N, C-alpha and C. Protein backbone atom coordinates (compact mmCIF):
# COMPACT_ATOMS: atom_id res chain seq x y z
N MET A 1 0.84 -1.17 0.00
CA MET A 1 0.00 0.00 0.00
C MET A 1 0.90 1.24 0.00
N PHE A 2 0.59 2.18 -0.86
CA PHE A 2 1.38 3.40 -1.03
C PHE A 2 0.56 4.59 -0.57
N ILE A 3 1.06 5.35 0.41
CA ILE A 3 0.32 6.48 0.96
C ILE A 3 1.10 7.76 0.68
N LEU A 4 0.41 8.74 0.11
CA LEU A 4 1.02 10.05 -0.14
C LEU A 4 0.53 11.04 0.91
N SER A 5 1.45 11.85 1.36
CA SER A 5 1.04 12.91 2.30
C SER A 5 0.50 14.10 1.51
N ILE A 6 -0.16 15.00 2.20
CA ILE A 6 -0.71 16.19 1.54
C ILE A 6 0.41 17.04 0.96
N SER A 7 1.52 17.13 1.70
CA SER A 7 2.63 17.92 1.18
C SER A 7 3.20 17.30 -0.10
N ASP A 8 3.20 15.95 -0.19
CA ASP A 8 3.65 15.30 -1.43
C ASP A 8 2.72 15.67 -2.58
N LEU A 9 1.43 15.64 -2.30
CA LEU A 9 0.46 15.97 -3.35
C LEU A 9 0.58 17.42 -3.78
N LEU A 10 0.71 18.33 -2.81
CA LEU A 10 0.81 19.74 -3.14
C LEU A 10 2.11 20.04 -3.87
N GLY A 11 3.16 19.33 -3.52
CA GLY A 11 4.44 19.54 -4.18
C GLY A 11 4.40 19.13 -5.64
N ARG A 12 3.52 18.21 -5.99
CA ARG A 12 3.42 17.73 -7.36
C ARG A 12 2.45 18.54 -8.21
N VAL A 13 1.67 19.39 -7.57
CA VAL A 13 0.71 20.21 -8.30
C VAL A 13 1.42 21.47 -8.79
N LYS A 14 1.31 21.76 -10.06
CA LYS A 14 1.93 22.97 -10.59
C LYS A 14 1.10 24.17 -10.14
N GLN A 15 1.77 25.09 -9.46
CA GLN A 15 1.09 26.29 -8.99
C GLN A 15 0.94 27.26 -10.15
N PRO A 16 -0.25 27.82 -10.35
CA PRO A 16 -0.45 28.76 -11.45
C PRO A 16 0.27 30.08 -11.17
N ASP A 17 0.67 30.77 -12.24
CA ASP A 17 1.29 32.08 -12.06
C ASP A 17 0.30 33.20 -12.38
N SER A 18 -0.91 32.85 -12.79
CA SER A 18 -1.96 33.84 -13.01
C SER A 18 -3.32 33.18 -12.79
N ILE A 19 -4.33 34.01 -12.60
CA ILE A 19 -5.69 33.51 -12.44
C ILE A 19 -6.59 34.23 -13.42
N SER A 20 -7.69 33.59 -13.77
CA SER A 20 -8.66 34.20 -14.65
C SER A 20 -9.95 34.43 -13.89
N VAL A 21 -10.44 35.66 -13.95
CA VAL A 21 -11.69 36.03 -13.31
C VAL A 21 -12.51 36.78 -14.33
N GLU A 22 -13.67 36.24 -14.67
CA GLU A 22 -14.58 36.87 -15.63
C GLU A 22 -13.85 37.35 -16.88
N ASN A 23 -13.17 36.43 -17.53
CA ASN A 23 -12.46 36.69 -18.79
C ASN A 23 -11.31 37.69 -18.65
N THR A 24 -10.84 37.92 -17.46
CA THR A 24 -9.70 38.80 -17.23
C THR A 24 -8.61 37.99 -16.54
N THR A 25 -7.42 38.00 -17.09
CA THR A 25 -6.31 37.28 -16.50
C THR A 25 -5.45 38.24 -15.71
N MET A 26 -5.19 37.88 -14.45
CA MET A 26 -4.36 38.72 -13.57
C MET A 26 -3.21 37.89 -13.04
N PRO A 27 -2.01 38.48 -12.96
CA PRO A 27 -0.91 37.73 -12.35
C PRO A 27 -1.15 37.57 -10.86
N LEU A 28 -0.74 36.43 -10.31
CA LEU A 28 -0.92 36.19 -8.88
C LEU A 28 -0.08 37.14 -8.04
N SER A 29 0.93 37.75 -8.62
CA SER A 29 1.78 38.65 -7.85
C SER A 29 1.01 39.84 -7.29
N ILE A 30 -0.10 40.22 -7.93
CA ILE A 30 -0.87 41.35 -7.39
C ILE A 30 -1.64 40.97 -6.14
N LEU A 31 -1.78 39.66 -5.90
CA LEU A 31 -2.49 39.20 -4.72
C LEU A 31 -1.54 39.03 -3.53
N GLN A 32 -0.25 39.06 -3.78
CA GLN A 32 0.74 38.90 -2.71
C GLN A 32 0.82 40.20 -1.90
N PRO A 33 0.97 40.10 -0.60
CA PRO A 33 1.09 41.32 0.21
C PRO A 33 2.40 42.04 -0.11
N HIS A 34 2.35 43.35 -0.11
CA HIS A 34 3.55 44.15 -0.38
C HIS A 34 4.26 44.41 0.95
N ILE A 35 5.51 44.02 1.02
CA ILE A 35 6.31 44.30 2.20
C ILE A 35 7.18 45.50 1.87
N PRO A 36 7.01 46.60 2.58
CA PRO A 36 7.75 47.81 2.24
C PRO A 36 9.24 47.65 2.47
N ASP A 37 10.02 48.45 1.73
CA ASP A 37 11.47 48.43 1.88
C ASP A 37 11.88 49.07 3.20
N ASP A 38 11.02 49.87 3.78
CA ASP A 38 11.31 50.59 5.02
C ASP A 38 10.21 50.27 6.04
N PRO A 39 10.25 49.06 6.63
CA PRO A 39 9.15 48.64 7.49
C PRO A 39 9.05 49.47 8.77
N LEU A 40 7.87 49.43 9.36
CA LEU A 40 7.62 50.11 10.62
C LEU A 40 8.01 49.19 11.78
N VAL A 41 8.62 49.78 12.82
CA VAL A 41 9.05 49.00 13.98
C VAL A 41 8.52 49.66 15.25
N ASP A 42 8.42 48.87 16.31
CA ASP A 42 7.89 49.38 17.57
C ASP A 42 9.02 49.83 18.50
N MET A 43 8.65 50.32 19.67
CA MET A 43 9.63 50.82 20.64
C MET A 43 10.55 49.70 21.12
N LYS A 44 10.03 48.49 21.21
CA LYS A 44 10.86 47.36 21.64
C LYS A 44 12.03 47.18 20.67
N TYR A 45 11.75 47.23 19.36
CA TYR A 45 12.81 47.14 18.35
C TYR A 45 13.75 48.33 18.46
N PHE A 46 13.16 49.54 18.58
CA PHE A 46 13.94 50.78 18.66
C PHE A 46 14.91 50.69 19.85
N ALA A 47 14.40 50.28 21.01
CA ALA A 47 15.23 50.20 22.21
C ALA A 47 16.33 49.15 22.05
N ARG A 48 15.99 48.02 21.49
CA ARG A 48 16.98 46.97 21.29
C ARG A 48 18.07 47.43 20.33
N ALA A 49 17.67 48.08 19.23
CA ALA A 49 18.64 48.57 18.25
C ALA A 49 19.50 49.69 18.83
N GLY A 50 18.90 50.52 19.67
CA GLY A 50 19.63 51.65 20.26
C GLY A 50 20.41 51.30 21.50
N GLY A 51 20.18 50.11 22.04
CA GLY A 51 20.92 49.67 23.21
C GLY A 51 20.45 50.27 24.51
N PHE A 52 19.15 50.56 24.63
CA PHE A 52 18.61 51.11 25.87
C PHE A 52 17.33 50.37 26.24
N SER A 53 16.85 50.61 27.46
CA SER A 53 15.65 49.94 27.94
C SER A 53 14.40 50.59 27.35
N LEU A 54 13.30 49.87 27.45
CA LEU A 54 12.02 50.42 26.98
C LEU A 54 11.66 51.69 27.75
N SER A 55 11.83 51.67 29.07
CA SER A 55 11.46 52.85 29.86
C SER A 55 12.33 54.05 29.48
N HIS A 56 13.61 53.84 29.21
CA HIS A 56 14.46 54.94 28.77
C HIS A 56 14.00 55.45 27.40
N GLY A 57 13.58 54.53 26.53
CA GLY A 57 13.06 54.93 25.22
C GLY A 57 11.85 55.84 25.36
N TYR A 58 10.94 55.49 26.26
CA TYR A 58 9.76 56.34 26.47
C TYR A 58 10.14 57.67 27.12
N ASP A 59 11.19 57.67 27.96
CA ASP A 59 11.69 58.94 28.51
C ASP A 59 12.25 59.83 27.40
N LEU A 60 13.00 59.22 26.47
CA LEU A 60 13.54 59.98 25.33
C LEU A 60 12.41 60.57 24.50
N LEU A 61 11.36 59.79 24.31
CA LEU A 61 10.20 60.26 23.54
C LEU A 61 9.53 61.43 24.27
N LYS A 62 9.34 61.31 25.57
CA LYS A 62 8.71 62.36 26.36
C LYS A 62 9.52 63.66 26.32
N ARG A 63 10.86 63.54 26.32
CA ARG A 63 11.73 64.71 26.28
C ARG A 63 11.91 65.27 24.87
N GLY A 64 11.34 64.60 23.87
CA GLY A 64 11.43 65.09 22.50
C GLY A 64 12.72 64.71 21.79
N GLU A 65 13.48 63.78 22.34
CA GLU A 65 14.73 63.35 21.72
C GLU A 65 14.51 62.29 20.65
N ILE A 66 13.31 61.73 20.63
CA ILE A 66 12.89 60.80 19.58
C ILE A 66 11.63 61.41 18.97
N ALA A 67 11.54 61.35 17.64
CA ALA A 67 10.37 61.91 16.95
C ALA A 67 9.09 61.19 17.38
N GLN A 68 7.98 61.91 17.31
CA GLN A 68 6.69 61.30 17.60
C GLN A 68 6.45 60.14 16.62
N PRO A 69 5.88 59.06 17.11
CA PRO A 69 5.70 57.89 16.25
C PRO A 69 4.52 58.05 15.29
N ILE A 70 4.49 57.16 14.33
CA ILE A 70 3.33 57.00 13.45
C ILE A 70 2.33 56.18 14.26
N ARG A 71 1.12 56.68 14.40
CA ARG A 71 0.10 55.98 15.17
C ARG A 71 -0.77 55.15 14.24
N ILE A 72 -0.90 53.87 14.56
CA ILE A 72 -1.78 52.96 13.83
C ILE A 72 -2.68 52.32 14.88
N GLY A 73 -3.89 52.85 14.99
CA GLY A 73 -4.75 52.41 16.08
C GLY A 73 -4.12 52.80 17.40
N ARG A 74 -3.90 51.84 18.27
CA ARG A 74 -3.25 52.10 19.56
C ARG A 74 -1.76 51.85 19.50
N SER A 75 -1.26 51.44 18.35
CA SER A 75 0.17 51.12 18.20
C SER A 75 0.97 52.35 17.79
N SER A 76 2.21 52.39 18.25
CA SER A 76 3.15 53.45 17.87
C SER A 76 4.29 52.79 17.11
N ARG A 77 4.61 53.35 15.95
CA ARG A 77 5.66 52.76 15.10
C ARG A 77 6.55 53.84 14.52
N TRP A 78 7.80 53.46 14.25
CA TRP A 78 8.76 54.33 13.58
C TRP A 78 9.29 53.59 12.36
N ARG A 79 9.69 54.32 11.35
CA ARG A 79 10.32 53.71 10.18
C ARG A 79 11.72 53.24 10.55
N THR A 80 12.11 52.12 10.01
CA THR A 80 13.45 51.57 10.27
C THR A 80 14.52 52.57 9.87
N SER A 81 14.31 53.29 8.78
CA SER A 81 15.30 54.28 8.33
C SER A 81 15.47 55.38 9.38
N TYR A 82 14.38 55.78 10.05
CA TYR A 82 14.49 56.79 11.10
C TYR A 82 15.31 56.25 12.28
N VAL A 83 15.04 55.01 12.69
CA VAL A 83 15.77 54.40 13.80
C VAL A 83 17.27 54.36 13.47
N ASN A 84 17.61 53.92 12.26
CA ASN A 84 19.01 53.84 11.86
C ASN A 84 19.66 55.23 11.81
N ALA A 85 18.93 56.21 11.29
CA ALA A 85 19.46 57.58 11.22
C ALA A 85 19.64 58.16 12.62
N TRP A 86 18.70 57.88 13.52
CA TRP A 86 18.78 58.37 14.89
C TRP A 86 20.02 57.81 15.57
N ILE A 87 20.27 56.51 15.40
CA ILE A 87 21.45 55.88 16.00
C ILE A 87 22.72 56.46 15.40
N ALA A 88 22.75 56.65 14.08
CA ALA A 88 23.93 57.22 13.41
C ALA A 88 24.20 58.63 13.91
N GLU A 89 23.14 59.42 14.12
CA GLU A 89 23.30 60.78 14.63
C GLU A 89 23.87 60.76 16.04
N ARG A 90 23.41 59.85 16.88
CA ARG A 90 23.94 59.72 18.23
C ARG A 90 25.42 59.35 18.20
N GLU A 91 25.78 58.45 17.28
CA GLU A 91 27.19 58.08 17.14
C GLU A 91 28.02 59.29 16.73
N LYS A 92 27.48 60.08 15.80
CA LYS A 92 28.21 61.26 15.33
C LYS A 92 28.38 62.27 16.47
N GLN A 93 27.33 62.46 17.26
CA GLN A 93 27.39 63.40 18.39
C GLN A 93 28.40 62.97 19.44
N SER A 94 28.51 61.67 19.64
CA SER A 94 29.42 61.17 20.67
C SER A 94 30.84 61.00 20.14
N GLY A 95 31.02 61.19 18.83
CA GLY A 95 32.35 61.07 18.24
C GLY A 95 32.80 59.64 18.01
N THR A 96 31.86 58.71 18.03
CA THR A 96 32.22 57.32 17.76
C THR A 96 31.50 56.84 16.52
N ASN A 97 32.09 55.89 15.88
CA ASN A 97 31.45 55.24 14.74
C ASN A 97 31.80 53.77 14.82
N GLN A 98 30.89 52.98 15.32
CA GLN A 98 31.15 51.57 15.51
C GLN A 98 30.46 50.71 14.47
N SER A 99 30.00 51.34 13.38
CA SER A 99 29.34 50.56 12.35
C SER A 99 30.36 49.67 11.65
N VAL A 100 29.91 48.52 11.22
CA VAL A 100 30.78 47.56 10.57
C VAL A 100 30.90 47.93 9.10
N ALA A 101 32.13 47.98 8.61
CA ALA A 101 32.35 48.30 7.20
C ALA A 101 31.89 47.13 6.34
N LYS A 102 31.18 47.44 5.27
CA LYS A 102 30.70 46.40 4.36
C LYS A 102 31.82 46.03 3.39
N GLU A 103 31.94 44.74 3.16
CA GLU A 103 32.97 44.29 2.24
C GLU A 103 32.53 44.56 0.81
N ALA A 104 33.48 44.97 0.00
CA ALA A 104 33.17 45.29 -1.40
C ALA A 104 33.27 44.09 -2.27
């Protein structure tokens, strides 16, 4: 007796690269979620990247040393590019640059 698992069956099925709806063909890529090049991150990420505690992060925010976040419902988020620029600015102010050089 030979038993195939569902993953075996799905692996053998050719996945379509487009769909047809009412005589209109659309690529499946338009149905895929778009992940932005500059994702939004929360204070936990910001604090971890900046090397400080969450409570210190909220103190920095209260003192105006961190820009006001983008509000999405009850969530507060910052763009990754802002977090990286903020850290780079702090490094510049302190006279240190500990970023790792990228190999060419």
